Amino acid sequence: MIEFATEKKGYNKKQVDEYLETVKNEYNALHKENEELKSKLAAETSDSEAKATAVARVLIQADMTAERVIAEANSEAEKITSEATQKAESILGSAQAEVRSQSRVILKNAEDQAESIVQEALNEARRIQTELAALLSSFGKIIGNR
């Protein structure tokens, strides 16, 4: 606390004026500092709001991009799946056709072999029949000569 010297009619005017000048200067300095701080706060608040707005825009854009990328990926996956299904069906169809073709060849070969075996058996039967007829004829001649 400041004390002023007393004079005939109150305090020393010069001391009071000097003190008031000091108080005024300190008040002005504090007021200026307060205004600067308010200005900085407003600027930082404005900057923070701008940054928050920018971040919000970036997040919205990122979300939209993610949705687009997911949609494109799903579309590409459907396309790949469809193409793979068509290719698999084509391969399966070709394989089935090849199996049918090979089956026909195998069946034809089996039929040919069976026909050959039957023909050989018929030829063998005719040969045996001819031999039997010759034996019977010889046997008949032998029996007849007796």
N, C-alpha and C. Protein backbone atom coordinates (compact mmCIF):
# COMPACT_ATOMS: atom_id res chain seq x y z
N MET A 1 0.85 -1.18 0.00
CA MET A 1 0.00 0.00 0.00
C MET A 1 0.89 1.23 0.00
N ILE A 2 0.53 2.18 -0.80
CA ILE A 2 1.31 3.40 -0.92
C ILE A 2 0.84 4.44 0.10
N GLU A 3 1.76 5.17 0.59
CA GLU A 3 1.41 6.24 1.53
C GLU A 3 1.90 7.57 0.98
N PHE A 4 1.04 8.54 1.12
CA PHE A 4 1.37 9.89 0.65
C PHE A 4 1.65 10.77 1.86
N ALA A 5 2.58 11.69 1.62
CA ALA A 5 2.88 12.63 2.70
C ALA A 5 1.75 13.65 2.79
N THR A 6 1.44 14.04 3.96
CA THR A 6 0.37 15.00 4.14
C THR A 6 0.93 16.41 4.14
N GLU A 7 0.18 17.33 3.64
CA GLU A 7 0.55 18.73 3.63
C GLU A 7 -0.56 19.52 4.29
N LYS A 8 -0.50 20.78 4.20
CA LYS A 8 -1.47 21.62 4.87
C LYS A 8 -2.88 21.30 4.42
N LYS A 9 -3.06 21.10 3.23
CA LYS A 9 -4.42 20.89 2.75
C LYS A 9 -4.60 19.45 2.24
N GLY A 10 -3.91 18.48 2.67
CA GLY A 10 -4.09 17.08 2.23
C GLY A 10 -2.78 16.47 1.80
N TYR A 11 -2.86 15.59 0.83
CA TYR A 11 -1.68 14.85 0.35
C TYR A 11 -0.86 15.69 -0.59
N ASN A 12 0.40 15.25 -0.78
CA ASN A 12 1.30 15.94 -1.69
C ASN A 12 0.80 15.68 -3.10
N LYS A 13 0.48 16.78 -3.76
CA LYS A 13 -0.14 16.69 -5.07
C LYS A 13 0.81 16.06 -6.07
N LYS A 14 2.09 16.37 -6.01
CA LYS A 14 3.06 15.84 -6.95
C LYS A 14 3.18 14.33 -6.80
N GLN A 15 3.23 13.85 -5.55
CA GLN A 15 3.32 12.41 -5.31
C GLN A 15 2.06 11.69 -5.82
N VAL A 16 0.94 12.31 -5.56
CA VAL A 16 -0.33 11.70 -6.00
C VAL A 16 -0.36 11.64 -7.52
N ASP A 17 0.04 12.74 -8.17
CA ASP A 17 0.05 12.77 -9.63
C ASP A 17 1.01 11.72 -10.20
N GLU A 18 2.20 11.61 -9.57
CA GLU A 18 3.16 10.59 -10.03
C GLU A 18 2.60 9.19 -9.86
N TYR A 19 1.96 8.97 -8.71
CA TYR A 19 1.38 7.65 -8.45
C TYR A 19 0.26 7.35 -9.45
N LEU A 20 -0.58 8.32 -9.67
CA LEU A 20 -1.68 8.14 -10.63
C LEU A 20 -1.13 7.89 -12.03
N GLU A 21 -0.03 8.57 -12.36
CA GLU A 21 0.61 8.35 -13.67
C GLU A 21 1.12 6.91 -13.75
N THR A 22 1.73 6.41 -12.68
CA THR A 22 2.22 5.03 -12.64
C THR A 22 1.05 4.05 -12.77
N VAL A 23 -0.01 4.31 -12.01
CA VAL A 23 -1.20 3.45 -12.06
C VAL A 23 -1.78 3.48 -13.47
N LYS A 24 -1.86 4.69 -14.07
CA LYS A 24 -2.40 4.84 -15.42
C LYS A 24 -1.53 4.06 -16.41
N ASN A 25 -0.20 4.18 -16.29
CA ASN A 25 0.70 3.46 -17.20
C ASN A 25 0.55 1.94 -17.04
N GLU A 26 0.49 1.49 -15.80
CA GLU A 26 0.31 0.06 -15.56
C GLU A 26 -1.05 -0.40 -16.08
N TYR A 27 -2.08 0.42 -15.83
CA TYR A 27 -3.41 0.09 -16.34
C TYR A 27 -3.38 0.02 -17.87
N ASN A 28 -2.77 1.00 -18.51
CA ASN A 28 -2.69 1.02 -19.98
C ASN A 28 -1.92 -0.21 -20.49
N ALA A 29 -0.82 -0.57 -19.81
CA ALA A 29 -0.03 -1.73 -20.21
C ALA A 29 -0.86 -3.00 -20.06
N LEU A 30 -1.56 -3.10 -18.92
CA LEU A 30 -2.41 -4.28 -18.70
C LEU A 30 -3.57 -4.31 -19.69
N HIS A 31 -4.15 -3.16 -19.96
CA HIS A 31 -5.25 -3.07 -20.93
C HIS A 31 -4.76 -3.49 -22.32
N LYS A 32 -3.55 -2.99 -22.70
CA LYS A 32 -2.99 -3.34 -24.01
C LYS A 32 -2.71 -4.84 -24.06
N GLU A 33 -2.11 -5.39 -22.99
CA GLU A 33 -1.83 -6.82 -22.94
C GLU A 33 -3.13 -7.61 -23.03
N ASN A 34 -4.15 -7.15 -22.32
CA ASN A 34 -5.46 -7.80 -22.34
C ASN A 34 -6.04 -7.79 -23.76
N GLU A 35 -5.94 -6.67 -24.46
CA GLU A 35 -6.45 -6.56 -25.84
C GLU A 35 -5.66 -7.48 -26.76
N GLU A 36 -4.34 -7.53 -26.57
CA GLU A 36 -3.51 -8.42 -27.40
C GLU A 36 -3.90 -9.87 -27.17
N LEU A 37 -4.10 -10.22 -25.89
CA LEU A 37 -4.50 -11.60 -25.57
C LEU A 37 -5.87 -11.93 -26.17
N LYS A 38 -6.79 -10.95 -26.09
CA LYS A 38 -8.11 -11.16 -26.70
C LYS A 38 -7.97 -11.37 -28.21
N SER A 39 -7.13 -10.56 -28.83
CA SER A 39 -6.90 -10.66 -30.27
C SER A 39 -6.29 -12.01 -30.63
N LYS A 40 -5.27 -12.43 -29.84
CA LYS A 40 -4.65 -13.74 -30.08
C LYS A 40 -5.67 -14.86 -29.90
N LEU A 41 -6.47 -14.75 -28.84
CA LEU A 41 -7.49 -15.76 -28.57
C LEU A 41 -8.50 -15.82 -29.72
N ALA A 42 -8.91 -14.66 -30.18
CA ALA A 42 -9.86 -14.62 -31.30
C ALA A 42 -9.23 -15.23 -32.55
N ALA A 43 -7.94 -14.90 -32.79
CA ALA A 43 -7.25 -15.44 -33.96
C ALA A 43 -7.10 -16.95 -33.84
N GLU A 44 -6.68 -17.40 -32.64
CA GLU A 44 -6.52 -18.83 -32.44
C GLU A 44 -7.86 -19.55 -32.50
N THR A 45 -8.90 -18.92 -31.97
CA THR A 45 -10.24 -19.51 -32.04
C THR A 45 -10.68 -19.60 -33.49
N SER A 46 -10.44 -18.51 -34.21
CA SER A 46 -10.79 -18.50 -35.63
C SER A 46 -9.97 -19.54 -36.37
N ASP A 47 -8.67 -19.60 -36.07
CA ASP A 47 -7.79 -20.57 -36.70
C ASP A 47 -8.23 -21.98 -36.34
N SER A 48 -8.56 -22.20 -35.07
CA SER A 48 -9.01 -23.51 -34.62
C SER A 48 -10.32 -23.89 -35.32
N GLU A 49 -11.22 -22.91 -35.44
CA GLU A 49 -12.49 -23.19 -36.12
C GLU A 49 -12.24 -23.51 -37.59
N ALA A 50 -11.30 -22.76 -38.21
CA ALA A 50 -10.97 -23.04 -39.61
C ALA A 50 -10.35 -24.43 -39.74
N LYS A 51 -9.45 -24.76 -38.80
CA LYS A 51 -8.84 -26.08 -38.84
C LYS A 51 -9.90 -27.16 -38.60
N ALA A 52 -10.79 -26.93 -37.66
CA ALA A 52 -11.86 -27.91 -37.38
C ALA A 52 -12.74 -28.08 -38.61
N THR A 53 -13.05 -26.99 -39.28
CA THR A 53 -13.85 -27.05 -40.50
C THR A 53 -13.11 -27.81 -41.58
N ALA A 54 -11.82 -27.52 -41.71
CA ALA A 54 -11.00 -28.22 -42.71
C ALA A 54 -10.92 -29.71 -42.40
N VAL A 55 -10.73 -30.04 -41.12
CA VAL A 55 -10.67 -31.44 -40.71
C VAL A 55 -12.01 -32.12 -41.00
N ALA A 56 -13.10 -31.43 -40.69
CA ALA A 56 -14.42 -31.99 -40.96
C ALA A 56 -14.59 -32.25 -42.46
N ARG A 57 -14.14 -31.29 -43.29
CA ARG A 57 -14.24 -31.48 -44.75
C ARG A 57 -13.39 -32.66 -45.19
N VAL A 58 -12.18 -32.76 -44.63
CA VAL A 58 -11.29 -33.87 -44.98
C VAL A 58 -11.92 -35.20 -44.57
N LEU A 59 -12.51 -35.24 -43.37
CA LEU A 59 -13.15 -36.47 -42.91
C LEU A 59 -14.33 -36.85 -43.79
N ILE A 60 -15.11 -35.86 -44.18
CA ILE A 60 -16.25 -36.13 -45.07
C ILE A 60 -15.74 -36.64 -46.41
N GLN A 61 -14.71 -35.98 -46.94
CA GLN A 61 -14.13 -36.41 -48.22
C GLN A 61 -13.56 -37.83 -48.10
N ALA A 62 -12.87 -38.11 -46.98
CA ALA A 62 -12.30 -39.44 -46.76
C ALA A 62 -13.40 -40.49 -46.69
N ASP A 63 -14.49 -40.15 -46.02
CA ASP A 63 -15.63 -41.06 -45.92
C ASP A 63 -16.22 -41.32 -47.30
N MET A 64 -16.39 -40.25 -48.08
CA MET A 64 -16.94 -40.41 -49.43
C MET A 64 -16.00 -41.24 -50.30
N THR A 65 -14.70 -40.97 -50.16
CA THR A 65 -13.70 -41.72 -50.93
C THR A 65 -13.73 -43.19 -50.53
N ALA A 66 -13.81 -43.44 -49.23
CA ALA A 66 -13.87 -44.83 -48.75
C ALA A 66 -15.10 -45.53 -49.30
N GLU A 67 -16.25 -44.86 -49.27
CA GLU A 67 -17.47 -45.45 -49.81
C GLU A 67 -17.32 -45.73 -51.30
N ARG A 68 -16.71 -44.80 -52.03
CA ARG A 68 -16.51 -44.99 -53.48
C ARG A 68 -15.57 -46.16 -53.73
N VAL A 69 -14.47 -46.21 -52.97
CA VAL A 69 -13.50 -47.29 -53.15
C VAL A 69 -14.14 -48.64 -52.82
N ILE A 70 -14.93 -48.68 -51.77
CA ILE A 70 -15.62 -49.93 -51.41
C ILE A 70 -16.59 -50.33 -52.51
N ALA A 71 -17.35 -49.37 -53.03
CA ALA A 71 -18.29 -49.67 -54.11
C ALA A 71 -17.56 -50.17 -55.34
N GLU A 72 -16.43 -49.52 -55.68
CA GLU A 72 -15.64 -49.96 -56.84
C GLU A 72 -15.07 -51.36 -56.59
N ALA A 73 -14.60 -51.61 -55.38
CA ALA A 73 -14.04 -52.93 -55.05
C ALA A 73 -15.12 -54.00 -55.15
N ASN A 74 -16.31 -53.69 -54.63
CA ASN A 74 -17.42 -54.65 -54.73
C ASN A 74 -17.78 -54.91 -56.18
N SER A 75 -17.82 -53.86 -56.97
CA SER A 75 -18.13 -54.00 -58.39
C SER A 75 -17.07 -54.84 -59.08
N GLU A 76 -15.81 -54.56 -58.80
CA GLU A 76 -14.71 -55.32 -59.41
C GLU A 76 -14.77 -56.78 -58.95
N ALA A 77 -15.09 -57.00 -57.67
CA ALA A 77 -15.19 -58.37 -57.16
C ALA A 77 -16.32 -59.12 -57.87
N GLU A 78 -17.46 -58.45 -58.07
CA GLU A 78 -18.57 -59.07 -58.79
C GLU A 78 -18.16 -59.40 -60.22
N LYS A 79 -17.45 -58.47 -60.86
CA LYS A 79 -16.99 -58.69 -62.24
C LYS A 79 -16.04 -59.88 -62.29
N ILE A 80 -15.07 -59.92 -61.39
CA ILE A 80 -14.10 -61.01 -61.35
C ILE A 80 -14.80 -62.34 -61.08
N THR A 81 -15.74 -62.33 -60.13
CA THR A 81 -16.49 -63.54 -59.81
C THR A 81 -17.29 -64.01 -61.01
N SER A 82 -17.94 -63.08 -61.69
CA SER A 82 -18.72 -63.43 -62.88
C SER A 82 -17.83 -64.00 -63.96
N GLU A 83 -16.70 -63.36 -64.22
CA GLU A 83 -15.76 -63.85 -65.23
C GLU A 83 -15.22 -65.22 -64.85
N ALA A 84 -14.91 -65.40 -63.57
CA ALA A 84 -14.38 -66.69 -63.11
C ALA A 84 -15.44 -67.77 -63.26
N THR A 85 -16.69 -67.44 -62.95
CA THR A 85 -17.78 -68.39 -63.09
C THR A 85 -17.96 -68.79 -64.55
N GLN A 86 -17.94 -67.79 -65.44
CA GLN A 86 -18.07 -68.07 -66.87
C GLN A 86 -16.91 -68.93 -67.36
N LYS A 87 -15.70 -68.61 -66.93
CA LYS A 87 -14.53 -69.38 -67.35
C LYS A 87 -14.63 -70.81 -66.82
N ALA A 88 -15.04 -70.95 -65.56
CA ALA A 88 -15.18 -72.28 -64.97
C ALA A 88 -16.24 -73.09 -65.72
N GLU A 89 -17.35 -72.44 -66.05
CA GLU A 89 -18.40 -73.13 -66.80
C GLU A 89 -17.90 -73.53 -68.19
N SER A 90 -17.11 -72.66 -68.81
CA SER A 90 -16.54 -72.97 -70.12
C SER A 90 -15.58 -74.15 -70.01
N ILE A 91 -14.71 -74.11 -69.01
CA ILE A 91 -13.75 -75.21 -68.81
C ILE A 91 -14.50 -76.51 -68.52
N LEU A 92 -15.52 -76.43 -67.67
CA LEU A 92 -16.31 -77.61 -67.34
C LEU A 92 -17.01 -78.14 -68.59
N GLY A 93 -17.57 -77.25 -69.39
CA GLY A 93 -18.22 -77.67 -70.64
C GLY A 93 -17.24 -78.35 -71.57
N SER A 94 -16.05 -77.76 -71.71
CA SER A 94 -15.01 -78.35 -72.56
C SER A 94 -14.58 -79.72 -72.02
N ALA A 95 -14.42 -79.80 -70.70
CA ALA A 95 -14.01 -81.06 -70.09
C ALA A 95 -15.08 -82.13 -70.30
N GLN A 96 -16.35 -81.74 -70.14
CA GLN A 96 -17.44 -82.69 -70.36
C GLN A 96 -17.48 -83.15 -71.82
N ALA A 97 -17.27 -82.22 -72.74
CA ALA A 97 -17.25 -82.58 -74.16
C ALA A 97 -16.09 -83.52 -74.44
N GLU A 98 -14.93 -83.23 -73.85
CA GLU A 98 -13.76 -84.10 -74.03
C GLU A 98 -14.02 -85.49 -73.45
N VAL A 99 -14.65 -85.55 -72.28
CA VAL A 99 -14.98 -86.84 -71.67
C VAL A 99 -15.94 -87.61 -72.57
N ARG A 100 -16.97 -86.92 -73.10
CA ARG A 100 -17.91 -87.59 -74.01
C ARG A 100 -17.19 -88.11 -75.24
N SER A 101 -16.29 -87.28 -75.80
CA SER A 101 -15.55 -87.68 -76.99
C SER A 101 -14.67 -88.89 -76.69
N GLN A 102 -13.93 -88.83 -75.59
CA GLN A 102 -13.07 -89.95 -75.23
C GLN A 102 -13.90 -91.20 -74.90
N SER A 103 -15.04 -90.99 -74.27
CA SER A 103 -15.93 -92.11 -73.96
C SER A 103 -16.39 -92.78 -75.25
N ARG A 104 -16.73 -91.98 -76.27
CA ARG A 104 -17.15 -92.54 -77.55
C ARG A 104 -16.01 -93.33 -78.19
N VAL A 105 -14.77 -92.78 -78.10
CA VAL A 105 -13.62 -93.48 -78.66
C VAL A 105 -13.40 -94.80 -77.92
N ILE A 106 -13.45 -94.75 -76.60
CA ILE A 106 -13.25 -95.97 -75.80
C ILE A 106 -14.34 -96.98 -76.11
N LEU A 107 -15.59 -96.52 -76.19
CA LEU A 107 -16.71 -97.40 -76.51
C LEU A 107 -16.53 -98.01 -77.90
N LYS A 108 -16.12 -97.19 -78.86
CA LYS A 108 -15.91 -97.68 -80.22
C LYS A 108 -14.80 -98.71 -80.24
N ASN A 109 -13.70 -98.46 -79.52
CA ASN A 109 -12.61 -99.42 -79.43
C ASN A 109 -13.08 -100.72 -78.80
N ALA A 110 -13.87 -100.61 -77.72
CA ALA A 110 -14.40 -101.80 -77.05
C ALA A 110 -15.32 -102.58 -77.98
N GLU A 111 -16.18 -101.86 -78.70
CA GLU A 111 -17.08 -102.52 -79.66
C GLU A 111 -16.27 -103.23 -80.74
N ASP A 112 -15.23 -102.51 -81.24
CA ASP A 112 -14.38 -103.12 -82.28
C ASP A 112 -13.69 -104.37 -81.74
N GLN A 113 -13.16 -104.30 -80.52
CA GLN A 113 -12.49 -105.46 -79.93
C GLN A 113 -13.49 -106.60 -79.72
N ALA A 114 -14.69 -106.24 -79.24
CA ALA A 114 -15.71 -107.28 -79.02
C ALA A 114 -16.08 -107.93 -80.35
N GLU A 115 -16.24 -107.11 -81.38
CA GLU A 115 -16.58 -107.64 -82.70
C GLU A 115 -15.46 -108.54 -83.21
N SER A 116 -14.21 -108.13 -82.98
CA SER A 116 -13.06 -108.92 -83.40
C SER A 116 -13.04 -110.25 -82.65
N ILE A 117 -13.31 -110.21 -81.34
CA ILE A 117 -13.32 -111.44 -80.54
C ILE A 117 -14.44 -112.37 -81.02
N VAL A 118 -15.61 -111.78 -81.27
CA VAL A 118 -16.74 -112.58 -81.76
C VAL A 118 -16.39 -113.19 -83.11
N GLN A 119 -15.78 -112.39 -84.00
CA GLN A 119 -15.39 -112.88 -85.33
C GLN A 119 -14.37 -114.01 -85.20
N GLU A 120 -13.37 -113.82 -84.29
CA GLU A 120 -12.39 -114.88 -84.06
C GLU A 120 -13.06 -116.14 -83.53
N ALA A 121 -14.01 -115.96 -82.61
CA ALA A 121 -14.73 -117.11 -82.05
C ALA A 121 -15.54 -117.81 -83.14
N LEU A 122 -16.19 -117.03 -84.01
CA LEU A 122 -16.96 -117.63 -85.12
C LEU A 122 -16.02 -118.38 -86.06
N ASN A 123 -14.88 -117.75 -86.37
CA ASN A 123 -13.90 -118.42 -87.24
C ASN A 123 -13.40 -119.72 -86.60
N GLU A 124 -13.12 -119.65 -85.30
CA GLU A 124 -12.66 -120.84 -84.57
C GLU A 124 -13.76 -121.90 -84.56
N ALA A 125 -15.01 -121.44 -84.36
CA ALA A 125 -16.12 -122.40 -84.37
C ALA A 125 -16.26 -123.05 -85.76
N ARG A 126 -16.10 -122.27 -86.83
CA ARG A 126 -16.19 -122.81 -88.20
C ARG A 126 -15.04 -123.80 -88.44
N ARG A 127 -13.86 -123.42 -87.95
CA ARG A 127 -12.71 -124.31 -88.12
C ARG A 127 -12.96 -125.62 -87.39
N ILE A 128 -13.45 -125.50 -86.14
CA ILE A 128 -13.74 -126.72 -85.37
C ILE A 128 -14.83 -127.53 -86.06
N GLN A 129 -15.83 -126.82 -86.58
CA GLN A 129 -16.93 -127.49 -87.28
C GLN A 129 -16.39 -128.23 -88.51
N THR A 130 -15.49 -127.55 -89.24
CA THR A 130 -14.89 -128.17 -90.42
C THR A 130 -14.07 -129.38 -90.02
N GLU A 131 -13.27 -129.25 -88.96
CA GLU A 131 -12.46 -130.37 -88.48
C GLU A 131 -13.35 -131.51 -88.01
N LEU A 132 -14.45 -131.14 -87.33
CA LEU A 132 -15.39 -132.16 -86.83
C LEU A 132 -16.04 -132.89 -88.00
N ALA A 133 -16.40 -132.11 -89.04
CA ALA A 133 -17.03 -132.73 -90.22
C ALA A 133 -16.04 -133.68 -90.89
N ALA A 134 -14.76 -133.24 -90.95
CA ALA A 134 -13.74 -134.09 -91.56
C ALA A 134 -13.52 -135.33 -90.73
N LEU A 135 -13.51 -135.20 -89.43
CA LEU A 135 -13.33 -136.34 -88.54
C LEU A 135 -14.51 -137.30 -88.66
N LEU A 136 -15.71 -136.69 -88.71
CA LEU A 136 -16.90 -137.53 -88.85
C LEU A 136 -16.87 -138.27 -90.19
N SER A 137 -16.43 -137.60 -91.21
CA SER A 137 -16.34 -138.22 -92.53
C SER A 137 -15.30 -139.34 -92.48
N SER A 138 -14.16 -139.07 -91.87
CA SER A 138 -13.13 -140.10 -91.76
C SER A 138 -13.63 -141.24 -90.90
N PHE A 139 -14.30 -140.90 -89.84
CA PHE A 139 -14.82 -141.92 -88.94
C PHE A 139 -15.87 -142.75 -89.69
N GLY A 140 -16.70 -142.08 -90.51
CA GLY A 140 -17.73 -142.78 -91.30
C GLY A 140 -17.09 -143.71 -92.29
N LYS A 141 -16.00 -143.30 -92.89
CA LYS A 141 -15.28 -144.13 -93.85
C LYS A 141 -14.66 -145.30 -93.14
N ILE A 142 -14.14 -145.08 -91.96
CA ILE A 142 -13.52 -146.16 -91.21
C ILE A 142 -14.60 -147.13 -90.79
N ILE A 143 -15.67 -146.70 -90.37
CA ILE A 143 -16.76 -147.57 -89.91
C ILE A 143 -17.36 -148.27 -91.15
N GLY A 144 -17.48 -147.58 -92.21
CA GLY A 144 -18.06 -148.14 -93.43
C GLY A 144 -17.15 -149.19 -94.02
N ASN A 145 -15.90 -149.12 -93.88
CA ASN A 145 -14.93 -150.07 -94.43
C ASN A 145 -14.88 -151.33 -93.54
N ARG A 146 -15.39 -151.36 -92.58
CA ARG A 146 -15.29 -152.50 -91.74
C ARG A 146 -16.25 -153.51 -92.12
